[in-house]
C-alpha atoms as a PDB file:
ATOM      1  CA  MET A   1      19.649 103.681 -88.704  1.00  0.00           C
ATOM      2  CA  PRO A   2      20.626 107.191 -87.752  1.00  0.00           C
ATOM      3  CA  ASN A   3      18.079 109.964 -87.955  1.00  0.00           C
ATOM      4  CA  PRO A   4      18.475 112.354 -90.954  1.00  0.00           C
ATOM      5  CA  GLN A   5      20.477 115.650 -90.421  1.00  0.00           C
ATOM      6  CA  VAL A   6      19.858 118.892 -92.062  1.00  0.00           C
ATOM      7  CA  ILE A   7      22.765 120.887 -93.707  1.00  0.00           C
ATOM      8  CA  GLU A   8      21.680 124.201 -95.128  1.00  0.00           C
ATOM      9  CA  HIS A   9      23.245 125.947 -98.278  1.00  0.00           C
ATOM     10  CA  ALA A  10      22.820 129.415 -99.412  1.00  0.00           C
ATOM     11  CA  ASP A  11      21.688 128.595-102.857  1.00  0.00           C
ATOM     12  CA  LYS A  12      21.863 125.976-105.756  1.00  0.00           C
ATOM     13  CA  SER A  13      25.395 126.867-106.721  1.00  0.00           C
ATOM     14  CA  GLU A  14      26.650 126.360-103.231  1.00  0.00           C
ATOM     15  CA  LEU A  15      24.709 123.117-102.899  1.00  0.00           C
ATOM     16  CA  ALA A  16      25.991 121.703-106.072  1.00  0.00           C
ATOM     17  CA  ALA A  17      29.624 122.563-105.319  1.00  0.00           C
ATOM     18  CA  SER A  18      29.574 121.207-101.832  1.00  0.00           C
ATOM     19  CA  THR A  19      27.835 118.146-102.800  1.00  0.00           C
ATOM     20  CA  GLY A  20      30.156 117.502-105.575  1.00  0.00           C
ATOM     21  CA  SER A  21      33.129 117.584-103.210  1.00  0.00           C
ATOM     22  CA  ARG A  22      31.362 115.413-100.576  1.00  0.00           C
ATOM     23  CA  ILE A  23      30.694 112.807-103.387  1.00  0.00           C
ATOM     24  CA  LEU A  24      34.403 112.659-104.505  1.00  0.00           C
ATOM     25  CA  ALA A  25      35.307 112.185-100.842  1.00  0.00           C
ATOM     26  CA  VAL A  26      32.978 109.248-100.576  1.00  0.00           C
ATOM     27  CA  ILE A  27      34.262 107.663-103.774  1.00  0.00           C
ATOM     28  CA  ASN A  28      37.877 108.151-102.512  1.00  0.00           C
ATOM     29  CA  ASP A  29      37.006 106.525 -99.216  1.00  0.00           C
ATOM     30  CA  ALA A  30      35.231 103.588-100.745  1.00  0.00           C
ATOM     31  CA  ILE A  31      37.976 102.786-103.256  1.00  0.00           C
ATOM     32  CA  GLU A  32      40.644 103.076-100.527  1.00  0.00           C
ATOM     33  CA  ASN A  33      38.839 100.724 -98.117  1.00  0.00           C
ATOM     34  CA  ASN A  34      37.025  98.398-100.466  1.00  0.00           C
ATOM     35  CA  GLY A  35      38.749  98.912-103.885  1.00  0.00           C
ATOM     36  CA  ILE A  36      35.351  99.628-105.434  1.00  0.00           C
ATOM     37  CA  ALA A  37      32.652 102.273-105.120  1.00  0.00           C
ATOM     38  CA  HIS A  38      28.863 101.880-105.867  1.00  0.00           C
ATOM     39  CA  LEU A  39      26.787 105.033-106.238  1.00  0.00           C
ATOM     40  CA  SER A  40      23.098 105.282-106.955  1.00  0.00           C
ATOM     41  CA  LEU A  41      22.160 108.533-108.958  1.00  0.00           C
ATOM     42  CA  THR A  42      19.267 110.914-109.090  1.00  0.00           C
ATOM     43  CA  GLY A  43      18.092 113.064-112.003  1.00  0.00           C
ATOM     44  CA  GLY A  44      16.492 116.329-112.033  1.00  0.00           C
ATOM     45  CA  THR A  45      17.889 119.932-111.946  1.00  0.00           C
ATOM     46  CA  MET A  46      19.978 119.494-108.837  1.00  0.00           C
ATOM     47  CA  GLY A  47      21.368 116.195-109.964  1.00  0.00           C
ATOM     48  CA  ILE A  48      22.478 117.938-113.289  1.00  0.00           C
ATOM     49  CA  ALA A  49      24.090 120.726-111.352  1.00  0.00           C
ATOM     50  CA  VAL A  50      26.035 118.308-109.149  1.00  0.00           C
ATOM     51  CA  TRP A  51      27.421 116.343-111.989  1.00  0.00           C
ATOM     52  CA  SER A  52      28.544 119.485-113.820  1.00  0.00           C
ATOM     53  CA  ALA A  53      30.215 120.715-110.577  1.00  0.00           C
ATOM     54  CA  ILE A  54      32.080 117.447-110.419  1.00  0.00           C
ATOM     55  CA  ALA A  55      33.006 117.708-114.182  1.00  0.00           C
ATOM     56  CA  GLU A  56      34.607 121.159-113.580  1.00  0.00           C
ATOM     57  CA  SER A  57      36.406 119.978-110.336  1.00  0.00           C
ATOM     58  CA  GLY A  58      40.180 119.265-110.546  1.00  0.00           C
ATOM     59  CA  GLN A  59      39.346 116.502-107.902  1.00  0.00           C
ATOM     60  CA  ALA A  60      37.722 114.479-110.493  1.00  0.00           C
ATOM     61  CA  ARG A  61      40.900 113.822-112.370  1.00  0.00           C
ATOM     62  CA  THR A  62      42.457 112.066-109.276  1.00  0.00           C
ATOM     63  CA  ILE A  63      39.743 109.380-109.187  1.00  0.00           C
ATOM     64  CA  ASP A  64      40.198 106.076-110.820  1.00  0.00           C
ATOM     65  CA  TRP A  65      36.925 105.777-112.487  1.00  0.00           C
ATOM     66  CA  SER A  66      37.320 102.253-113.596  1.00  0.00           C
ATOM     67  CA  LYS A  67      36.717 101.328-109.966  1.00  0.00           C
ATOM     68  CA  VAL A  68      33.287 103.237-109.611  1.00  0.00           C
ATOM     69  CA  HIS A  69      29.963 101.736-110.507  1.00  0.00           C
ATOM     70  CA  PHE A  70      26.903 103.971-111.237  1.00  0.00           C
ATOM     71  CA  TRP A  71      23.312 102.941-110.719  1.00  0.00           C
ATOM     72  CA  TRP A  72      20.068 104.893-111.063  1.00  0.00           C
ATOM     73  CA  SER A  73      17.319 104.749-108.434  1.00  0.00           C
ATOM     74  CA  ASP A  74      14.607 105.414-111.244  1.00  0.00           C
ATOM     75  CA  GLU A  75      14.357 106.025-114.982  1.00  0.00           C
ATOM     76  CA  ARG A  76      11.742 107.174-117.348  1.00  0.00           C
ATOM     77  CA  PHE A  77      10.662 104.380-119.703  1.00  0.00           C
ATOM     78  CA  VAL A  78      11.253 106.270-123.063  1.00  0.00           C
ATOM     79  CA  GLU A  79      13.546 105.695-125.799  1.00  0.00           C
ATOM     80  CA  THR A  80      17.305 105.748-125.647  1.00  0.00           C
ATOM     81  CA  GLY A  81      18.715 109.286-125.888  1.00  0.00           C
ATOM     82  CA  HIS A  82      15.484 110.848-124.885  1.00  0.00           C
ATOM     83  CA  ALA A  83      16.078 114.205-123.023  1.00  0.00           C
ATOM     84  CA  ASP A  84      13.721 113.027-120.207  1.00  0.00           C
ATOM     85  CA  ARG A  85      16.116 110.027-119.242  1.00  0.00           C
ATOM     86  CA  ASN A  86      18.079 110.476-116.143  1.00  0.00           C
ATOM     87  CA  GLU A  87      20.808 108.408-117.712  1.00  0.00           C
ATOM     88  CA  LYS A  88      21.180 110.875-120.628  1.00  0.00           C
ATOM     89  CA  GLN A  89      21.269 113.897-118.272  1.00  0.00           C
ATOM     90  CA  ALA A  90      24.046 112.375-116.130  1.00  0.00           C
ATOM     91  CA  LYS A  91      26.161 111.400-119.315  1.00  0.00           C
ATOM     92  CA  ASP A  92      25.730 114.919-120.835  1.00  0.00           C
ATOM     93  CA  ALA A  93      26.721 116.626-117.611  1.00  0.00           C
ATOM     94  CA  LEU A  94      29.595 114.286-116.404  1.00  0.00           C
ATOM     95  CA  LEU A  95      29.856 110.596-117.381  1.00  0.00           C
ATOM     96  CA  ASP A  96      30.629 110.984-121.033  1.00  0.00           C
ATOM     97  CA  SER A  97      33.727 113.045-119.962  1.00  0.00           C
ATOM     98  CA  LEU A  98      35.082 110.324-117.833  1.00  0.00           C
ATOM     99  CA  GLU A  99      37.049 107.099-118.635  1.00  0.00           C
ATOM    100  CA  ILE A 100      34.345 104.722-117.259  1.00  0.00           C
ATOM    101  CA  PRO A 101      34.123 101.043-118.495  1.00  0.00           C
ATOM    102  CA  ALA A 102      30.641 100.572-120.149  1.00  0.00           C
ATOM    103  CA  GLU A 103      30.001  97.653-117.703  1.00  0.00           C
ATOM    104  CA  ASN A 104      30.276 100.132-114.822  1.00  0.00           C
ATOM    105  CA  LEU A 105      27.249 101.971-116.049  1.00  0.00           C
ATOM    106  CA  HIS A 106      24.223 100.042-114.875  1.00  0.00           C
ATOM    107  CA  ILE A 107      21.312 101.732-116.957  1.00  0.00           C
ATOM    108  CA  MET A 108      17.722 101.079-116.574  1.00  0.00           C
ATOM    109  CA  GLY A 109      16.110  99.739-119.775  1.00  0.00           C
ATOM    110  CA  ALA A 110      14.684 102.062-122.509  1.00  0.00           C
ATOM    111  CA  SER A 111      11.484 101.580-124.388  1.00  0.00           C
ATOM    112  CA  ASP A 112      13.218 100.911-127.791  1.00  0.00           C
ATOM    113  CA  VAL A 113      15.301  98.102-125.914  1.00  0.00           C
ATOM    114  CA  PHE A 114      12.587  96.362-123.902  1.00  0.00           C
ATOM    115  CA  ASP A 115       8.990  95.451-125.147  1.00  0.00           C
ATOM    116  CA  SER A 116       7.443  96.403-121.857  1.00  0.00           C
ATOM    117  CA  VAL A 117       8.299  98.244-118.529  1.00  0.00           C
ATOM    118  CA  ASP A 118       7.875  95.158-116.835  1.00  0.00           C
ATOM    119  CA  LYS A 119      10.693  93.406-118.646  1.00  0.00           C
ATOM    120  CA  ALA A 120      12.797  96.467-118.147  1.00  0.00           C
ATOM    121  CA  ALA A 121      12.270  96.327-114.304  1.00  0.00           C
ATOM    122  CA  GLU A 122      13.030  92.576-114.238  1.00  0.00           C
ATOM    123  CA  ALA A 123      16.271  93.067-116.120  1.00  0.00           C
ATOM    124  CA  TYR A 124      17.355  95.778-113.656  1.00  0.00           C
ATOM    125  CA  THR A 125      16.418  93.538-110.735  1.00  0.00           C
ATOM    126  CA  ALA A 126      18.708  90.868-112.397  1.00  0.00           C
ATOM    127  CA  GLU A 127      21.508  93.470-112.897  1.00  0.00           C
ATOM    128  CA  LEU A 128      21.283  94.438-109.073  1.00  0.00           C
ATOM    129  CA  LYS A 129      21.487  90.803-108.115  1.00  0.00           C
ATOM    130  CA  LYS A 130      24.420  90.095-110.361  1.00  0.00           C
ATOM    131  CA  PHE A 131      26.638  92.703-108.602  1.00  0.00           C
ATOM    132  CA  ALA A 132      25.385  91.830-105.119  1.00  0.00           C
ATOM    133  CA  PRO A 133      27.289  90.118-102.337  1.00  0.00           C
ATOM    134  CA  GLU A 134      26.453  86.453-102.069  1.00  0.00           C
ATOM    135  CA  GLY A 135      23.082  85.882-100.516  1.00  0.00           C
ATOM    136  CA  GLN A 136      21.894  89.587-101.126  1.00  0.00           C
ATOM    137  CA  ALA A 137      19.737  91.029-103.848  1.00  0.00           C
ATOM    138  CA  SER A 138      21.680  94.237-104.646  1.00  0.00           C
ATOM    139  CA  PRO A 139      24.965  95.944-103.991  1.00  0.00           C
ATOM    140  CA  ALA A 140      25.308  97.924-100.813  1.00  0.00           C
ATOM    141  CA  PHE A 141      25.703 101.399-102.141  1.00  0.00           C
ATOM    142  CA  ASP A 142      28.282 103.695-100.700  1.00  0.00           C
ATOM    143  CA  LEU A 143      25.995 106.528-101.420  1.00  0.00           C
ATOM    144  CA  SER A 144      22.434 106.868-102.731  1.00  0.00           C
ATOM    145  CA  LEU A 145      21.561 110.458-103.858  1.00  0.00           C
ATOM    146  CA  LEU A 146      17.878 111.330-103.779  1.00  0.00           C
ATOM    147  CA  GLY A 147      15.815 114.318-105.017  1.00  0.00           C
ATOM    148  CA  LEU A 148      12.648 115.183-103.245  1.00  0.00           C
ATOM    149  CA  GLY A 149       9.487 116.138-105.056  1.00  0.00           C
ATOM    150  CA  PRO A 150       7.100 118.922-104.000  1.00  0.00           C
ATOM    151  CA  ASP A 151       4.663 116.098-103.147  1.00  0.00           C
ATOM    152  CA  GLY A 152       7.362 114.312-101.037  1.00  0.00           C
ATOM    153  CA  HIS A 153       8.203 111.568-103.605  1.00  0.00           C
ATOM    154  CA  ILE A 154      11.538 109.963-104.115  1.00  0.00           C
ATOM    155  CA  ALA A 155      12.771 108.061-107.254  1.00  0.00           C
ATOM    156  CA  SER A 156       9.459 107.045-108.748  1.00  0.00           C
ATOM    157  CA  LEU A 157       7.745 106.234-105.469  1.00  0.00           C
ATOM    158  CA  PHE A 158       4.953 108.545-105.244  1.00  0.00           C
ATOM    159  CA  PRO A 159       2.466 109.532-102.455  1.00  0.00           C
ATOM    160  CA  ASP A 160      -0.842 107.565-102.159  1.00  0.00           C
ATOM    161  CA  ARG A 161       0.330 104.701-104.102  1.00  0.00           C
ATOM    162  CA  GLU A 162       1.197 101.120-102.999  1.00  0.00           C
ATOM    163  CA  GLU A 163       4.878 101.098-104.430  1.00  0.00           C
ATOM    164  CA  ILE A 164       6.307 102.778-101.297  1.00  0.00           C
ATOM    165  CA  HIS A 165       5.036  99.957 -99.129  1.00  0.00           C
ATOM    166  CA  LEU A 166       6.563  97.084-101.155  1.00  0.00           C
ATOM    167  CA  SER A 167       9.035  95.089 -99.061  1.00  0.00           C
ATOM    168  CA  THR A 168      10.825  93.349-101.996  1.00  0.00           C
ATOM    169  CA  PHE A 169      14.337  93.974-102.929  1.00  0.00           C
ATOM    170  CA  ASP A 170      13.919  94.729-106.557  1.00  0.00           C
ATOM    171  CA  SER A 171      13.004  97.068-109.261  1.00  0.00           C
ATOM    172  CA  LEU A 172       9.401  98.041-109.903  1.00  0.00           C
ATOM    173  CA  ALA A 173       7.320  98.914-113.071  1.00  0.00           C
ATOM    174  CA  VAL A 174       5.556 102.226-112.401  1.00  0.00           C
ATOM    175  CA  ARG A 175       2.450 103.128-114.655  1.00  0.00           C
ATOM    176  CA  ASN A 176       0.279 106.271-114.680  1.00  0.00           C
ATOM    177  CA  SER A 177       2.763 108.258-112.764  1.00  0.00           C
ATOM    178  CA  PRO A 178       1.411 111.588-111.521  1.00  0.00           C
ATOM    179  CA  LYS A 179       4.478 113.250-112.923  1.00  0.00           C
ATOM    180  CA  PRO A 180       5.283 112.884-116.661  1.00  0.00           C
ATOM    181  CA  PRO A 181       6.350 110.633-118.417  1.00  0.00           C
ATOM    182  CA  PRO A 182       3.866 108.311-116.926  1.00  0.00           C
ATOM    183  CA  THR A 183       5.689 104.997-117.368  1.00  0.00           C
ATOM    184  CA  ARG A 184       8.921 104.457-115.331  1.00  0.00           C
ATOM    185  CA  VAL A 185      11.153 102.013-113.665  1.00  0.00           C
ATOM    186  CA  SER A 186      12.012 102.526-109.960  1.00  0.00           C
ATOM    187  CA  MET A 187      13.974 100.895-107.213  1.00  0.00           C
ATOM    188  CA  SER A 188      11.871  99.793-104.382  1.00  0.00           C
ATOM    189  CA  LEU A 189      12.498 101.400-100.983  1.00  0.00           C
ATOM    190  CA  PRO A 190      14.422  98.480 -99.495  1.00  0.00           C
ATOM    191  CA  VAL A 191      16.871  98.641-102.428  1.00  0.00           C
ATOM    192  CA  ILE A 192      17.257 102.378-101.891  1.00  0.00           C
ATOM    193  CA  ASN A 193      17.992 101.812 -98.365  1.00  0.00           C
ATOM    194  CA  ARG A 194      20.804  99.453 -99.089  1.00  0.00           C
ATOM    195  CA  ALA A 195      23.226 102.324 -98.814  1.00  0.00           C
ATOM    196  CA  ARG A 196      25.814 103.335 -96.313  1.00  0.00           C
ATOM    197  CA  LYS A 197      24.820 106.963 -96.988  1.00  0.00           C
ATOM    198  CA  ILE A 198      21.744 108.609 -98.226  1.00  0.00           C
ATOM    199  CA  TRP A 199      21.782 112.170 -99.159  1.00  0.00           C
ATOM    200  CA  PHE A 200      18.781 114.322-100.197  1.00  0.00           C
ATOM    201  CA  LEU A 201      19.473 117.127-102.702  1.00  0.00           C
ATOM    202  CA  ILE A 202      16.641 119.697-102.298  1.00  0.00           C
ATOM    203  CA  ALA A 203      16.407 123.109-103.629  1.00  0.00           C
ATOM    204  CA  GLY A 204      13.590 125.741-104.530  1.00  0.00           C
ATOM    205  CA  SER A 205      10.754 127.182-102.488  1.00  0.00           C
ATOM    206  CA  ASP A 206       8.234 124.822-104.069  1.00  0.00           C
ATOM    207  CA  LYS A 207       9.934 122.093-101.946  1.00  0.00           C
ATOM    208  CA  GLN A 208       9.263 123.803 -98.510  1.00  0.00           C
ATOM    209  CA  ASP A 209       6.188 121.903 -97.563  1.00  0.00           C
ATOM    210  CA  ALA A 210       7.715 118.539 -98.537  1.00  0.00           C
ATOM    211  CA  THR A 211      10.947 119.321 -96.808  1.00  0.00           C
ATOM    212  CA  ALA A 212       9.087 120.383 -93.668  1.00  0.00           C
ATOM    213  CA  ARG A 213       7.263 116.946 -93.649  1.00  0.00           C
ATOM    214  CA  LEU A 214      10.546 115.197 -94.331  1.00  0.00           C
ATOM    215  CA  ARG A 215      12.170 117.050 -91.380  1.00  0.00           C
ATOM    216  CA  GLN A 216       9.307 116.209 -89.105  1.00  0.00           C
ATOM    217  CA  ALA A 217       9.800 112.529 -90.040  1.00  0.00           C
ATOM    218  CA  ALA A 218      13.431 112.931 -89.378  1.00  0.00           C
ATOM    219  CA  GLU A 219      12.748 113.262 -85.750  1.00  0.00           C
ATOM    220  CA  LEU A 220      11.033 109.832 -85.547  1.00  0.00           C
ATOM    221  CA  SER A 221      12.673 106.524 -85.016  1.00  0.00           C
ATOM    222  CA  ASP A 222      12.283 103.844 -87.579  1.00  0.00           C
ATOM    223  CA  ASP A 223       9.665 102.251 -85.501  1.00  0.00           C
ATOM    224  CA  GLN A 224       7.606 105.416 -85.519  1.00  0.00           C
ATOM    225  CA  LEU A 225       7.495 105.765 -89.346  1.00  0.00           C
ATOM    226  CA  THR A 226       4.022 104.620 -89.807  1.00  0.00           C
ATOM    227  CA  ALA A 227       2.347 103.461 -93.151  1.00  0.00           C
ATOM    228  CA  GLU A 228       0.404 106.730 -93.121  1.00  0.00           C
ATOM    229  CA  ILE A 229       3.645 108.949 -92.935  1.00  0.00           C
ATOM    230  CA  LEU A 230       5.118 106.966 -95.755  1.00  0.00           C
ATOM    231  CA  THR A 231       1.964 107.069 -97.917  1.00  0.00           C
ATOM    232  CA  ALA A 232       2.026 110.868 -97.514  1.00  0.00           C
ATOM    233  CA  THR A 233       5.663 111.587 -97.762  1.00  0.00           C
ATOM    234  CA  PRO A 234       7.532 108.638 -99.257  1.00  0.00           C
ATOM    235  CA  GLY A 235      10.939 110.355 -98.775  1.00  0.00           C
ATOM    236  CA  ALA A 236      10.510 109.776 -95.052  1.00  0.00           C
ATOM    237  CA  GLY A 237      11.291 106.217 -95.424  1.00  0.00           C
ATOM    238  CA  ALA A 238      14.760 106.757 -96.999  1.00  0.00           C
ATOM    239  CA  ARG A 239      17.521 106.311 -94.498  1.00  0.00           C
ATOM    240  CA  GLY A 240      21.097 105.251 -94.873  1.00  0.00           C
ATOM    241  CA  ALA A 241      22.719 102.652 -92.699  1.00  0.00           C
ATOM    242  CA  GLU A 242      25.352 104.975 -91.509  1.00  0.00           C
ATOM    243  CA  GLU A 243      24.188 108.561 -92.382  1.00  0.00           C
ATOM    244  CA  THR A 244      21.200 110.391 -93.937  1.00  0.00           C
ATOM    245  CA  LEU A 245      21.627 114.085 -94.858  1.00  0.00           C
ATOM    246  CA  ILE A 246      19.124 116.567 -95.978  1.00  0.00           C
ATOM    247  CA  LEU A 247      21.275 118.854 -98.131  1.00  0.00           C
ATOM    248  CA  ALA A 248      18.933 121.805 -98.830  1.00  0.00           C
ATOM    249  CA  THR A 249      18.910 125.466-100.022  1.00  0.00           C
ATOM    250  CA  GLN A 250      17.733 128.199 -97.764  1.00  0.00           C
ATOM    251  CA  ASP A 251      14.585 128.658 -99.857  1.00  0.00           C
ATOM    252  CA  ALA A 252      13.709 124.940 -99.562  1.00  0.00           C
ATOM    253  CA  LEU A 253      13.598 125.158 -95.680  1.00  0.00           C
END
């Protein structure tokens, strides 16, 4: 897999607008070449900003959204419609304004739908397999978008925990998360890495330390990414098959 490359942006607005245009180009390319596009989304402030930028873009109206499938790399196990849910944030900012078939929105289960977070994780693992090529456990995403926490976490794979080291191609139940809410569902790292392109969206001076560690790891080959590095900075393990970009604001670098 190619080593991650850094692209610097002046501020959050520039990062959101630039990333929105990049995403639309990836979608167009995937539909043109394969007739379908699979995107794995991230939440957080920058995720919302990017969806809002796409919603305001005239380019968005040129996309056949019936050919685009949306997935989430993690979700908070709270009730449907809760403000903490990444799904709700994406719908409010963009998805509800588009003509997307309901079956194209692959939503991780909520606490009012599933009796336990384990059942929600199992259901998402089954959903991934349902849309996977024969013999595979998940789709190959055309693009996986990731945030990076100040501690170096991605999705709900946090430092100093076992989840980042799991080698299974499935979704995980996460309990006692160091970041609230404490109960979550997350893709495993192997599923996240089933992507042609992985882009990190990083903004804010509070991310400087984590970004520095991510950039240091970016200089290493896959074979050099030790368990110790992944334990300290889970984001270091996320690499796309064709491209990995660290899209960051100046104050995060």
